[in-house]
Amino acid sequence: MLEACENLVSFVMLANPLEFADWLALVYSGFAAAKFASMAFSTLLVLVSLAVSGVGRMTGRPALG
């Protein structure tokens, strides 16, 4: 969803690349930063889940469910 919003703002900026409003650059950067943060958070969650799974296997505890 963040990618789509970022692309939408990009298309608006590309419609008039020499004279778009300055605030559009801030909106575009905000969507890009939020997208990067969500990707970093997702990667962190994957690493944490792998670590927890590895610890669970090493201690012999059963999986959830």
Protein backbone atom coordinates (compact mmCIF):
# COMPACT_ATOMS: atom_id res chain seq x y z
CA MET A 1 0.00 0.00 0.00
CA LEU A 2 2.85 2.37 0.81
CA GLU A 3 4.42 1.58 -2.56
CA ALA A 4 1.20 2.49 -4.36
CA CYS A 5 0.92 5.78 -2.48
CA GLU A 6 4.57 6.57 -3.19
CA ASN A 7 4.05 5.84 -6.89
CA LEU A 8 0.90 7.96 -7.00
CA VAL A 9 2.74 10.96 -5.57
CA SER A 10 5.60 10.27 -7.99
CA PHE A 11 3.22 10.35 -10.95
CA VAL A 12 1.78 13.66 -9.73
CA MET A 13 5.30 15.06 -9.47
CA LEU A 14 6.23 13.75 -12.93
CA ALA A 15 3.26 15.52 -14.50
CA ASN A 16 5.14 18.78 -14.00
CA PRO A 17 8.72 17.90 -12.99
CA LEU A 18 10.10 21.44 -13.05
CA GLU A 19 7.41 23.17 -11.03
CA PHE A 20 5.76 20.73 -8.62
CA ALA A 21 4.99 22.00 -5.13
CA ASP A 22 7.74 21.62 -2.54
CA TRP A 23 5.41 19.92 -0.09
CA LEU A 24 4.95 17.03 -2.55
CA ALA A 25 8.61 16.13 -2.08
CA LEU A 26 7.99 15.82 1.66
CA VAL A 27 4.95 13.61 1.12
CA TYR A 28 6.91 11.44 -1.32
CA SER A 29 9.81 11.13 1.12
CA GLY A 30 7.43 10.29 3.93
CA PHE A 31 5.92 7.40 1.99
CA ALA A 32 9.39 6.18 0.99
CA ALA A 33 10.62 6.34 4.59
CA ALA A 34 7.51 4.55 5.89
CA LYS A 35 7.95 1.85 3.24
CA PHE A 36 11.58 1.35 4.22
CA ALA A 37 10.69 1.25 7.92
CA SER A 38 8.00 -1.37 7.32
CA MET A 39 10.42 -3.49 5.29
CA ALA A 40 13.06 -3.22 8.03
CA PHE A 41 10.47 -4.13 10.68
CA SER A 42 9.33 -7.13 8.63
CA THR A 43 12.91 -8.33 8.28
CA LEU A 44 13.43 -7.93 12.02
CA LEU A 45 10.28 -9.96 12.74
CA VAL A 46 11.49 -12.76 10.45
CA LEU A 47 14.87 -12.85 12.20
CA VAL A 48 13.25 -12.86 15.65
CA SER A 49 10.87 -15.66 14.65
CA LEU A 50 13.77 -17.72 13.29
CA ALA A 51 15.72 -17.19 16.51
CA VAL A 52 12.75 -18.12 18.69
CA SER A 53 12.09 -21.19 16.56
CA GLY A 54 15.74 -22.24 16.82
CA VAL A 55 15.74 -21.82 20.59
CA GLY A 56 12.52 -23.80 20.82
CA ARG A 57 13.99 -26.64 18.79
CA MET A 58 17.21 -26.68 20.80
CA THR A 59 15.37 -26.81 24.13
CA GLY A 60 12.95 -29.47 22.92
CA ARG A 61 9.84 -27.43 23.57
CA PRO A 62 6.87 -28.18 21.33
CA ALA A 63 5.77 -25.78 18.65
CA LEU A 64 2.64 -23.71 18.99
CA GLY A 65 -0.63 -25.33 18.06
